[in-house]
Protein backbone atom coordinates (compact mmCIF):
# COMPACT_ATOMS: atom_id res chain seq x y z
CA MET A 1 97.01 86.37 109.32
CA LYS A 2 99.15 83.28 109.24
CA PRO A 3 102.52 83.49 107.47
CA ILE A 4 102.66 81.58 104.19
CA PRO A 5 105.93 79.82 103.31
CA LEU A 6 107.38 81.23 100.10
CA TRP A 7 108.90 77.98 98.93
CA PRO A 8 107.43 74.45 98.95
CA GLY A 9 110.79 73.13 100.15
CA ALA A 10 114.16 74.68 100.93
CA ALA A 11 114.77 78.14 99.49
CA PRO A 12 116.90 78.01 96.33
CA GLY A 13 120.64 78.09 96.89
CA ASP A 14 120.47 77.92 100.68
CA LYS A 15 122.92 75.49 102.22
CA ASP A 16 124.35 77.09 105.36
CA ASP A 17 122.95 76.76 108.86
CA ILE A 18 122.62 80.38 109.94
CA GLY A 19 121.17 79.69 113.37
CA GLU A 20 117.82 80.35 114.99
CA GLU A 21 115.56 83.09 113.67
CA LYS A 22 115.04 85.65 116.44
CA ASP A 23 114.69 89.29 117.39
CA THR A 24 118.25 90.57 117.78
CA SER A 25 117.33 93.80 119.57
CA PRO A 26 119.10 94.24 122.93
CA ALA A 27 117.34 92.40 125.75
CA ASN A 28 117.21 95.54 127.89
CA GLU A 29 115.13 97.50 125.34
CA ASP A 30 111.54 98.21 126.35
CA ARG A 31 109.43 96.03 124.06
CA ALA A 32 106.33 98.04 124.97
CA SER A 33 107.86 101.37 123.96
CA LYS A 34 106.46 103.15 120.90
CA SER A 35 110.03 103.59 119.68
CA TYR A 36 110.88 99.88 119.88
CA VAL A 37 112.10 98.25 116.68
CA ILE A 38 111.97 94.49 116.06
CA ARG A 39 115.29 93.51 114.45
CA LEU A 40 114.60 90.05 113.10
CA GLY A 41 117.75 88.09 112.25
CA SER A 42 118.81 84.70 110.87
CA VAL A 43 115.89 84.31 108.45
CA SER A 44 116.23 81.08 106.47
CA GLN A 45 112.53 80.30 105.97
CA PRO A 46 111.10 83.28 104.07
CA THR A 47 107.37 83.93 104.18
CA ILE A 48 104.65 86.32 103.13
CA THR A 49 101.87 87.44 105.44
CA VAL A 50 98.75 88.83 103.77
CA TYR A 51 96.95 91.76 105.40
CA PRO A 52 93.67 92.11 103.45
CA ALA A 53 92.28 95.60 103.03
CA PRO A 54 88.98 96.13 104.88
CA ALA A 55 86.04 95.18 102.66
CA GLU A 56 84.52 98.68 102.85
CA LYS A 57 87.79 100.29 101.64
CA ARG A 58 89.18 97.62 99.35
CA THR A 59 90.44 98.96 96.03
CA GLY A 60 91.89 95.74 94.61
CA ALA A 61 95.45 97.08 94.75
CA ALA A 62 98.13 95.13 96.60
CA VAL A 63 101.65 96.00 97.71
CA VAL A 64 104.52 93.69 98.66
CA VAL A 65 106.26 95.36 101.63
CA CYS A 66 110.04 94.92 101.99
CA PRO A 67 111.44 96.01 105.37
CA GLY A 68 114.99 97.29 105.57
CA GLY A 69 117.89 96.38 107.81
CA GLY A 70 121.07 96.50 105.77
CA TYR A 71 120.54 92.95 104.46
CA SER A 72 121.51 91.88 107.99
CA ILE A 73 118.20 92.03 109.86
CA LEU A 74 114.59 93.02 109.10
CA ALA A 75 112.90 95.95 110.88
CA MET A 76 109.67 93.99 111.00
CA ASN A 77 107.43 96.45 112.82
CA LEU A 78 108.89 99.86 111.92
CA GLU A 79 109.10 99.05 108.21
CA GLY A 80 106.72 96.10 108.07
CA THR A 81 103.57 95.62 110.13
CA GLU A 82 103.09 99.35 110.74
CA VAL A 83 103.30 99.93 106.99
CA CYS A 84 100.78 97.17 106.33
CA ASP A 85 98.33 98.89 108.68
CA TRP A 86 98.75 102.16 106.77
CA LEU A 87 98.23 100.47 103.41
CA ASN A 88 95.06 98.82 104.72
CA SER A 89 93.80 102.26 105.81
CA ILE A 90 93.92 103.47 102.17
CA GLY A 91 92.27 100.35 100.77
CA VAL A 92 95.37 98.40 99.76
CA THR A 93 95.99 94.75 100.57
CA ALA A 94 99.46 94.54 102.11
CA VAL A 95 101.76 91.53 101.70
CA LEU A 96 104.60 91.59 104.21
CA LEU A 97 107.70 89.88 102.85
CA LYS A 98 110.03 88.24 105.34
CA TYR A 99 113.03 87.72 103.08
CA ARG A 100 116.27 85.92 103.81
CA VAL A 101 118.89 87.68 105.91
CA PRO A 102 121.75 88.05 106.55
CA ALA A 103 123.51 88.03 103.18
CA ARG A 104 124.63 84.54 102.20
CA ARG A 105 128.28 83.68 101.77
CA ASP A 106 129.64 83.81 98.21
CA ARG A 107 126.48 85.49 96.91
CA GLU A 108 125.57 89.10 96.27
CA ARG A 109 123.86 90.46 99.37
CA TYR A 110 120.62 90.94 97.45
CA ALA A 111 120.64 87.61 95.55
CA ALA A 112 118.57 85.50 97.96
CA PRO A 113 116.20 88.37 98.84
CA LEU A 114 115.63 89.03 95.13
CA GLN A 115 114.53 85.42 94.63
CA ASP A 116 112.15 85.85 97.56
CA ALA A 117 110.72 89.11 96.18
CA GLN A 118 110.19 87.65 92.71
CA ARG A 119 108.51 84.61 94.21
CA ALA A 120 106.26 86.81 96.39
CA LEU A 121 105.00 88.84 93.41
CA GLY A 122 104.18 85.65 91.52
CA LEU A 123 102.32 84.21 94.49
CA VAL A 124 100.21 87.34 94.92
CA ARG A 125 99.16 87.24 91.28
CA PHE A 126 98.56 83.47 91.40
CA HIS A 127 96.20 83.98 94.36
CA ALA A 128 94.72 87.24 93.04
CA LYS A 129 91.14 85.99 92.76
CA GLU A 130 91.23 84.32 96.19
CA TRP A 131 92.72 87.41 97.84
CA GLU A 132 90.49 89.84 95.89
CA VAL A 133 93.46 91.53 94.26
CA ASP A 134 93.76 93.01 90.78
CA PRO A 135 96.84 91.31 89.25
CA ALA A 136 97.47 94.44 87.16
CA ARG A 137 97.87 96.50 90.35
CA VAL A 138 100.45 94.67 92.43
CA GLY A 139 103.21 97.03 93.54
CA ILE A 140 106.28 96.85 95.74
CA LEU A 141 107.39 99.14 98.58
CA GLY A 142 110.74 99.10 100.31
CA PHE A 143 112.71 100.92 102.99
CA SER A 144 116.50 101.29 103.04
CA ALA A 145 117.90 97.89 101.96
CA GLY A 146 114.31 96.93 101.21
CA GLY A 147 114.25 99.91 98.86
CA HIS A 148 117.33 98.58 97.10
CA LEU A 149 115.63 95.19 96.92
CA SER A 150 112.51 96.80 95.44
CA ALA A 151 114.50 98.68 92.79
CA THR A 152 116.50 95.54 91.98
CA THR A 153 113.25 93.60 91.62
CA CYS A 154 112.03 96.22 89.15
CA ALA A 155 115.30 95.90 87.24
CA SER A 156 115.14 92.09 87.12
CA ALA A 157 111.53 91.59 86.11
CA ALA A 158 112.26 90.19 82.65
CA GLU A 159 113.63 86.92 83.99
CA ARG A 160 113.38 85.04 87.27
CA THR A 161 116.64 84.37 89.08
CA TYR A 162 115.71 80.80 90.01
CA PRO A 163 114.19 77.75 88.25
CA ALA A 164 110.38 77.73 88.33
CA VAL A 165 109.01 75.51 91.08
CA ASP A 166 105.25 75.60 90.38
CA GLU A 167 102.43 77.42 88.58
CA ALA A 168 102.91 80.61 90.63
CA ASP A 169 106.25 81.10 88.91
CA LYS A 170 104.49 81.43 85.55
CA GLU A 171 102.98 84.70 86.75
CA SER A 172 104.74 88.01 86.13
CA CYS A 173 107.24 89.14 88.77
CA ARG A 174 107.25 92.74 87.47
CA PRO A 175 105.84 95.17 90.04
CA SER A 176 103.07 97.35 88.64
CA PHE A 177 104.50 100.31 90.56
CA CYS A 178 107.25 100.96 93.09
CA ILE A 179 107.57 103.06 96.25
CA LEU A 180 111.09 103.70 97.59
CA ILE A 181 111.48 105.22 101.05
CA TYR A 182 115.05 106.23 101.98
CA PRO A 183 116.43 103.58 99.59
CA ALA A 184 120.01 102.42 100.22
CA TYR A 185 122.75 101.17 97.91
CA LEU A 186 121.29 102.61 94.70
CA ALA A 187 124.61 104.27 93.81
CA THR A 188 128.23 103.21 93.55
CA ASP A 189 130.47 103.94 96.54
CA ASP A 190 131.56 107.28 95.06
CA ASN A 191 127.92 108.28 94.42
CA ALA A 192 128.80 108.98 90.79
CA HIS A 193 126.71 106.29 89.08
CA LEU A 194 123.87 103.89 89.74
CA ALA A 195 124.92 100.52 91.12
CA PRO A 196 125.38 97.91 88.35
CA GLU A 197 122.30 95.91 89.37
CA ILE A 198 120.07 99.01 89.33
CA LYS A 199 119.17 99.17 85.66
CA VAL A 200 116.48 101.53 84.40
CA THR A 201 114.67 101.08 81.09
CA ALA A 202 111.41 102.22 79.54
CA ASP A 203 109.83 99.13 81.16
CA THR A 204 110.78 100.15 84.71
CA PRO A 205 107.58 100.57 86.75
CA PRO A 206 106.33 104.05 87.72
CA THR A 207 108.09 105.03 90.94
CA PHE A 208 107.61 107.22 94.00
CA ILE A 209 110.73 108.18 95.99
CA THR A 210 111.20 109.89 99.36
CA MET A 211 114.50 110.77 101.00
CA THR A 212 116.08 113.48 103.13
CA GLN A 213 119.08 115.65 102.37
CA ASP A 214 120.76 114.71 105.66
CA ASP A 215 120.30 110.95 105.24
CA PRO A 216 123.60 109.21 106.11
CA VAL A 217 122.89 106.70 103.33
CA HIS A 218 123.34 109.65 100.89
CA VAL A 219 120.59 111.26 98.85
CA GLU A 220 122.64 110.98 95.65
CA GLY A 221 121.32 107.46 95.02
CA ALA A 222 117.74 108.70 94.93
CA LEU A 223 118.69 111.62 92.69
CA LEU A 224 120.58 109.41 90.25
CA TYR A 225 117.68 106.99 90.12
CA ALA A 226 115.21 109.80 89.46
CA LEU A 227 117.40 111.14 86.65
CA ALA A 228 117.59 107.68 85.10
CA LEU A 229 113.79 107.37 85.29
CA LYS A 230 113.43 110.76 83.60
CA LYS A 231 115.81 109.76 80.83
CA ALA A 232 113.88 106.53 80.26
CA LYS A 233 110.58 108.49 80.30
CA VAL A 234 109.26 106.49 83.24
CA PRO A 235 106.68 108.40 85.36
CA PHE A 236 108.06 109.20 88.81
CA GLU A 237 107.59 111.50 91.78
CA LEU A 238 110.54 112.50 93.97
CA HIS A 239 110.41 114.21 97.36
CA VAL A 240 113.64 115.33 99.01
CA TYR A 241 113.21 116.89 102.44
CA PRO A 242 115.93 118.85 104.28
CA LYS A 243 115.91 116.88 107.55
CA GLY A 244 114.85 113.54 108.94
CA GLY A 245 117.85 111.26 108.66
CA HIS A 246 117.19 107.57 108.12
CA GLY A 247 114.98 104.81 109.50
CA TYR A 248 111.89 106.78 110.49
CA GLY A 249 109.31 104.55 108.80
CA LEU A 250 105.86 106.07 109.32
CA ARG A 251 106.60 107.26 112.87
CA HIS A 252 105.80 110.93 113.26
CA SER A 253 108.40 113.60 113.99
CA GLU A 254 108.62 117.38 113.73
CA ASN A 255 110.29 116.99 110.33
CA LEU A 256 108.32 117.53 107.12
CA VAL A 257 109.39 114.10 105.88
CA SER A 258 106.67 112.71 108.18
CA GLN A 259 104.24 113.81 105.48
CA TRP A 260 105.50 111.22 103.01
CA PRO A 261 102.59 108.76 103.52
CA ALA A 262 100.09 111.45 102.47
CA ARG A 263 102.23 112.31 99.44
CA ALA A 264 102.51 108.62 98.52
CA GLU A 265 98.75 108.13 98.84
CA GLY A 266 98.16 111.14 96.60
CA TRP A 267 100.55 109.74 94.01
CA LEU A 268 98.86 106.33 94.08
CA ARG A 269 95.47 107.98 93.56
CA THR A 270 96.50 110.29 90.74
CA GLN A 271 98.25 107.41 88.97
CA GLY A 272 95.04 105.35 89.14
CA TRP A 273 96.38 102.55 91.33
CA LEU A 274 93.67 103.11 93.96
CA LYS A 275 90.68 103.25 91.63
CA PRO A 276 87.72 101.16 92.86
CA ARG A 277 87.51 97.65 91.51
């Protein structure tokens, strides 16, 4: 699974030298530990890596996976490769998005990542036949800041935020469905309203949301988003668990929130996204 550059040249709008891309986790952390998290920083060359579903399980569905990390780093194993393995186990082709971080100067923190996410969705659909993917079943899944990026991508699907560079950009960048796991930044600072970039309409993709009541990012964002989806008559499923905090990915704990992958798989099946090709 070789990473595929997102852009044929420099990424749009990038001018600054942000240094060498590297794992920013402390050097004294045990890389072999099951709790270890790769914290990839200084990403200026965004890529996608395709993890094809096993032939005997393949449904034709695909999901672009957006790791979190506060738009500063990317939790590439906890919220990336481990998630791709899970998606493969349920017959979904996973597409791991390595988007640009940290936030660029003089730009909204999500601006460059949004361009990368839109480009990734177009590329998946452009290569749908080659990758044995149904272009009508290409979703997006995000954790924390990656959840915000996923919701912003859903809100910005009507128009690309960069000039088209090739034929892939003629494909739709609207996710077919969306999965948000402990999404961050969905609400204003006072948790009274959705953030301005998080717009919900009748065309917003069906959405699955998981969060915990004790999440320090604040559950209000998920609740406000769910209410907006209800008002717009967009199908959604929301799970709020009492405990679990933030940043657990798929790693098991004694908290009930560890059941979210099973709930998400059930939602995908009942919505028809995992029907055989």
